[in-house]
Amino acid sequence: MTARLVLLGLLPLTAALALLQRRRLYAIIGMALTSLLLASVFYLSQAPDVAITEAAIGAALVTFIYVLAIRRTGRLNVVASEVAGLMERVGDRIQGFEWEILDRFARRVGLDLSVQFVRIDEIEKVLLQRDADLGAGGLLPDAWDRRLLTSREHLPTARVAIVGPVSSAARDDESDRPSTPLVGHLTDVIDAVRDRRPIDTRLDLARFLVLSRHGLDGYRVVRDDIETGYAFVVAPHRADLYTQLEAMIEELRESGDLDRMAERYLT
């Protein structure tokens, strides 16, 4: 009798635990615990057949179905281009300015953050195919498919054109000339500079700073005067995330957290 009363007292607690969880997985665990407690109550009430049914269906089968259902819906799937300071792998973890923003956002909306690194020119395709919810990793707001939703800029940057190797006379010529945005991995450009092979590309400031560590003697460098900034790109089927992300970025900006995060990762 005492054991049954204790279990009955725990039932509303585990039910409340399931209802109050922001993360779906934790809510499912709470539901499974509630079902197991209920099965125990049935067993102690001399109803073993009902207890077995509750355990098999309520705790096992229903939990399994819910876990399968949230394998995608319970995650914030991010496809990203890797860039130091913004979104980069360090050992077995990921860190950076944009990573912290997205980690906070995932916790706010009750999702588990999952990041897949790809070439920068593959991000648009992945988002339009609905294989990810959001694009990140030093993305500039222009030149994306109009179907994609671009967030407000969260960090100012600039474009830098790098051409070369060129002669001394050509390096002295500061006339602006068209160059193509980065296509593929930054490592491809770094390898070309190390081997002193020709390049003609335009990088954002974060990637340019990484490239400059490898020496740019013999290359012409021209900074674009047009102001721009980094943004996130959201898949069209996740307009709900776009609205919430915009609101959180604005809150971070107004509170000063955005500036403090930038100082922590980029200075």
Protein backbone atom coordinates (compact mmCIF):
# COMPACT_ATOMS: atom_id res chain seq x y z
CA MET A 1 0.00 0.00 0.00
CA THR A 2 2.78 2.43 0.93
CA ALA A 3 4.69 1.76 -2.29
CA ARG A 4 1.57 2.35 -4.35
CA LEU A 5 0.88 5.66 -2.61
CA VAL A 6 4.47 6.79 -3.21
CA LEU A 7 4.17 5.94 -6.89
CA LEU A 8 0.85 7.74 -7.12
CA GLY A 9 2.48 10.79 -5.58
CA LEU A 10 5.30 10.68 -8.12
CA LEU A 11 2.97 10.48 -11.12
CA PRO A 12 1.99 14.19 -11.20
CA LEU A 13 5.65 15.16 -10.68
CA THR A 14 6.89 13.19 -13.67
CA ALA A 15 3.94 14.41 -15.75
CA ALA A 16 4.78 18.02 -14.85
CA LEU A 17 8.45 17.29 -15.68
CA ALA A 18 7.43 16.16 -19.17
CA LEU A 19 5.16 19.15 -19.74
CA LEU A 20 7.68 21.77 -18.62
CA GLN A 21 10.64 20.59 -20.71
CA ARG A 22 11.67 22.84 -23.62
CA ARG A 23 13.64 20.08 -25.33
CA ARG A 24 11.51 17.42 -26.95
CA LEU A 25 13.80 14.55 -25.99
CA TYR A 26 13.63 15.42 -22.30
CA ALA A 27 9.84 15.68 -22.54
CA ILE A 28 9.70 12.20 -24.09
CA ILE A 29 11.87 10.83 -21.29
CA GLY A 30 9.45 12.36 -18.79
CA MET A 31 6.51 10.73 -20.57
CA ALA A 32 8.27 7.36 -20.51
CA LEU A 33 8.93 7.66 -16.76
CA THR A 34 5.29 8.54 -16.18
CA SER A 35 4.19 5.49 -18.15
CA LEU A 36 6.55 3.20 -16.20
CA LEU A 37 5.27 4.55 -12.88
CA LEU A 38 1.70 4.03 -14.03
CA ALA A 39 2.52 0.45 -15.05
CA SER A 40 3.97 -0.13 -11.58
CA VAL A 41 0.81 1.24 -9.97
CA PHE A 42 -1.32 -1.13 -12.07
CA TYR A 43 0.88 -4.06 -11.05
CA LEU A 44 0.63 -3.23 -7.36
CA SER A 45 -3.14 -2.88 -7.81
CA GLN A 46 -3.34 -6.55 -8.82
CA ALA A 47 -3.75 -5.78 -12.54
CA PRO A 48 -0.65 -7.35 -14.11
CA ASP A 49 -2.19 -7.61 -17.58
CA VAL A 50 -2.92 -3.87 -17.65
CA ALA A 51 0.57 -3.19 -16.27
CA ILE A 52 2.23 -5.21 -19.04
CA THR A 53 0.12 -3.45 -21.68
CA GLU A 54 1.00 -0.01 -20.30
CA ALA A 55 4.72 -0.83 -20.13
CA ALA A 56 4.84 -2.36 -23.60
CA ILE A 57 2.77 0.26 -25.39
CA GLY A 58 3.02 3.42 -23.28
CA ALA A 59 6.64 3.19 -22.15
CA ALA A 60 8.23 1.25 -25.00
CA LEU A 61 6.33 1.55 -28.28
CA VAL A 62 5.07 5.12 -27.94
CA THR A 63 8.48 6.34 -26.71
CA PHE A 64 10.18 4.64 -29.66
CA ILE A 65 7.78 6.28 -32.12
CA TYR A 66 8.31 9.71 -30.57
CA VAL A 67 12.10 9.33 -30.68
CA LEU A 68 11.91 8.45 -34.37
CA ALA A 69 9.67 11.45 -34.99
CA ILE A 70 12.07 13.95 -33.39
CA ARG A 71 15.22 12.70 -35.06
CA ARG A 72 14.88 15.62 -37.48
CA THR A 73 12.25 17.87 -35.92
CA GLY A 74 14.09 17.91 -32.60
CA ARG A 75 17.27 19.32 -34.13
CA LEU A 76 18.44 22.64 -35.45
CA ASN A 77 20.31 21.41 -38.52
CA VAL A 78 22.97 23.91 -39.56
CA VAL A 79 25.09 23.67 -42.70
CA ALA A 80 28.20 25.81 -42.39
CA SER A 81 31.43 26.89 -44.01
CA GLU A 82 34.32 26.63 -41.57
CA VAL A 83 36.15 29.86 -40.77
CA ALA A 84 38.37 30.70 -37.80
CA GLY A 85 36.77 32.80 -35.10
CA LEU A 86 33.26 32.36 -36.46
CA MET A 87 32.62 28.63 -36.80
CA GLU A 88 35.53 26.23 -36.48
CA ARG A 89 36.40 22.76 -35.26
CA VAL A 90 38.83 22.58 -32.35
CA GLY A 91 39.53 18.96 -31.50
CA ASP A 92 36.22 17.18 -31.04
CA ARG A 93 34.17 20.33 -30.46
CA ILE A 94 33.05 23.41 -32.36
CA GLN A 95 33.56 26.98 -31.22
CA GLY A 96 33.37 30.54 -32.49
CA PHE A 97 31.27 33.69 -32.49
CA GLU A 98 28.50 32.33 -34.71
CA TRP A 99 28.58 28.97 -32.95
CA GLU A 100 27.77 30.62 -29.62
CA ILE A 101 24.90 32.57 -31.17
CA LEU A 102 23.41 29.41 -32.66
CA ASP A 103 24.01 27.39 -29.49
CA ARG A 104 22.07 29.97 -27.49
CA PHE A 105 19.36 30.03 -30.12
CA ALA A 106 19.00 26.24 -30.17
CA ARG A 107 18.61 26.15 -26.40
CA ARG A 108 16.04 28.93 -26.56
CA VAL A 109 13.82 27.10 -29.05
CA GLY A 110 14.36 23.72 -27.38
CA LEU A 111 16.34 22.05 -30.17
CA ASP A 112 19.62 20.14 -30.30
CA LEU A 113 22.21 21.92 -32.43
CA SER A 114 23.70 19.83 -35.24
CA VAL A 115 26.36 21.27 -37.60
CA GLN A 116 27.57 19.90 -40.91
CA PHE A 117 30.56 21.58 -42.59
CA VAL A 118 30.52 21.87 -46.38
CA ARG A 119 32.00 24.01 -49.15
CA ILE A 120 30.58 27.53 -49.11
CA ASP A 121 29.12 27.07 -52.59
CA GLU A 122 27.13 24.03 -51.44
CA ILE A 123 25.21 25.80 -48.67
CA GLU A 124 22.49 27.22 -50.91
CA LYS A 125 21.78 23.85 -52.51
CA VAL A 126 21.54 22.05 -49.16
CA LEU A 127 19.11 24.62 -47.78
CA LEU A 128 16.86 24.60 -50.86
CA GLN A 129 16.75 20.80 -50.77
CA ARG A 130 15.51 21.03 -47.16
CA ASP A 131 18.46 19.00 -45.89
CA ALA A 132 19.25 21.73 -43.34
CA ASP A 133 17.43 24.55 -41.59
CA LEU A 134 20.04 27.27 -41.51
CA GLY A 135 23.33 28.31 -43.13
CA ALA A 136 26.25 29.87 -41.25
CA GLY A 137 30.00 30.37 -41.31
CA GLY A 138 30.90 33.88 -42.42
CA LEU A 139 28.12 34.35 -44.97
CA LEU A 140 27.52 37.71 -46.61
CA PRO A 141 23.88 38.76 -47.17
CA ASP A 142 23.97 39.30 -50.93
CA ALA A 143 24.05 36.83 -53.85
CA TRP A 144 21.79 34.22 -52.25
CA ASP A 145 18.73 32.73 -53.91
CA ARG A 146 15.71 34.94 -53.24
CA ARG A 147 13.82 32.00 -51.80
CA LEU A 148 16.23 31.89 -48.87
CA LEU A 149 15.66 34.12 -45.84
CA THR A 150 18.65 36.23 -44.85
CA SER A 151 18.88 37.44 -41.26
CA ARG A 152 19.98 40.90 -40.23
CA GLU A 153 23.75 41.35 -40.06
CA HIS A 154 25.22 40.38 -36.70
CA LEU A 155 28.85 41.40 -37.28
CA PRO A 156 30.36 44.02 -39.62
CA THR A 157 33.02 42.96 -42.11
CA ALA A 158 34.53 43.99 -45.44
CA ARG A 159 35.45 42.46 -48.77
CA VAL A 160 39.05 42.15 -49.84
CA ALA A 161 40.14 41.31 -53.40
CA ILE A 162 43.35 39.29 -53.78
CA VAL A 163 44.96 38.92 -57.20
CA GLY A 164 48.33 37.54 -58.11
CA PRO A 165 51.10 36.86 -58.18
CA VAL A 166 51.65 40.13 -60.04
CA SER A 167 54.61 42.29 -60.97
CA SER A 168 55.74 45.21 -58.83
CA ALA A 169 54.25 47.66 -61.34
CA ALA A 170 50.92 45.87 -61.22
CA ARG A 171 50.93 45.90 -57.41
CA ASP A 172 51.33 49.66 -57.47
CA ASP A 173 48.21 49.95 -59.62
CA GLU A 174 45.37 50.32 -57.11
CA SER A 175 42.63 50.47 -59.74
CA ASP A 176 39.68 48.34 -58.78
CA ARG A 177 39.11 45.27 -60.90
CA PRO A 178 36.43 42.61 -60.64
CA SER A 179 37.23 39.43 -58.76
CA THR A 180 35.11 36.42 -57.95
CA PRO A 181 33.82 35.58 -54.46
CA LEU A 182 35.25 32.56 -52.71
CA VAL A 183 34.07 29.28 -54.21
CA GLY A 184 34.85 26.06 -52.36
CA HIS A 185 37.09 25.86 -49.31
CA LEU A 186 39.40 28.57 -48.01
CA THR A 187 42.07 25.88 -47.79
CA ASP A 188 42.14 25.80 -51.60
CA VAL A 189 43.14 29.49 -51.66
CA ILE A 190 45.67 28.98 -48.87
CA ASP A 191 47.30 26.12 -50.77
CA ALA A 192 47.52 28.30 -53.89
CA VAL A 193 49.23 31.11 -51.96
CA ARG A 194 51.70 28.70 -50.37
CA ASP A 195 52.59 27.34 -53.80
CA ARG A 196 52.65 30.88 -55.28
CA ARG A 197 49.99 29.88 -57.80
CA PRO A 198 47.68 32.47 -59.44
CA ILE A 199 44.50 33.45 -57.62
CA ASP A 200 41.82 36.00 -58.36
CA THR A 201 39.24 36.01 -55.60
CA ARG A 202 37.36 38.16 -53.10
CA LEU A 203 37.26 37.20 -49.42
CA ASP A 204 35.48 38.54 -46.38
CA LEU A 205 37.65 40.01 -43.64
CA ALA A 206 37.74 36.93 -41.38
CA ARG A 207 38.94 34.67 -44.18
CA PHE A 208 41.37 37.30 -45.43
CA LEU A 209 42.98 37.49 -41.97
CA VAL A 210 43.45 33.72 -42.00
CA LEU A 211 44.95 33.86 -45.49
CA SER A 212 47.27 36.76 -44.63
CA ARG A 213 49.06 34.62 -42.03
CA HIS A 214 50.51 32.62 -44.91
CA GLY A 215 52.10 35.65 -46.56
CA LEU A 216 50.75 37.65 -49.47
CA ASP A 217 53.98 39.13 -50.84
CA GLY A 218 53.63 39.35 -54.59
CA TYR A 219 49.83 39.52 -54.50
CA ARG A 220 47.77 42.64 -54.98
CA VAL A 221 45.31 43.29 -52.17
CA VAL A 222 42.47 45.81 -52.55
CA ARG A 223 39.87 46.41 -49.87
CA ASP A 224 36.32 47.14 -50.98
CA ASP A 225 34.88 50.38 -49.56
CA ILE A 226 31.32 49.01 -49.51
CA GLU A 227 30.24 48.21 -45.95
CA THR A 228 28.69 44.80 -45.30
CA GLY A 229 28.33 42.26 -42.53
CA TYR A 230 27.91 38.58 -41.72
CA ALA A 231 24.43 37.08 -41.62
CA PHE A 232 22.68 33.73 -41.28
CA VAL A 233 20.71 32.23 -44.15
CA VAL A 234 17.51 30.35 -43.32
CA ALA A 235 15.77 27.75 -45.48
CA PRO A 236 12.36 28.89 -46.78
CA HIS A 237 10.53 26.04 -45.01
CA ARG A 238 11.77 27.31 -41.63
CA ALA A 239 10.29 30.80 -41.61
CA ASP A 240 9.34 30.19 -37.97
CA LEU A 241 13.02 29.91 -37.04
CA TYR A 242 13.84 33.02 -39.06
CA THR A 243 11.46 35.21 -37.02
CA GLN A 244 12.76 33.90 -33.70
CA LEU A 245 16.40 34.22 -34.77
CA GLU A 246 15.89 37.83 -35.83
CA ALA A 247 14.36 38.64 -32.45
CA MET A 248 17.21 36.99 -30.52
CA ILE A 249 19.94 38.74 -32.52
CA GLU A 250 18.29 42.08 -31.78
CA GLU A 251 18.11 41.22 -28.07
CA LEU A 252 21.80 40.27 -28.03
CA ARG A 253 22.67 43.54 -29.75
CA GLU A 254 20.64 45.68 -27.35
CA SER A 255 22.03 43.93 -24.27
CA GLY A 256 25.63 44.29 -25.43
CA ASP A 257 26.17 40.51 -25.43
CA LEU A 258 26.85 40.54 -29.17
CA ASP A 259 29.79 42.94 -28.74
CA ARG A 260 31.18 40.97 -25.80
CA MET A 261 31.02 37.74 -27.78
CA ALA A 262 32.80 39.37 -30.73
CA GLU A 263 35.60 40.57 -28.42
CA ARG A 264 35.97 37.11 -26.96
CA TYR A 265 36.41 35.32 -30.28
CA LEU A 266 37.74 37.91 -32.71
CA THR A 267 40.25 40.07 -30.82
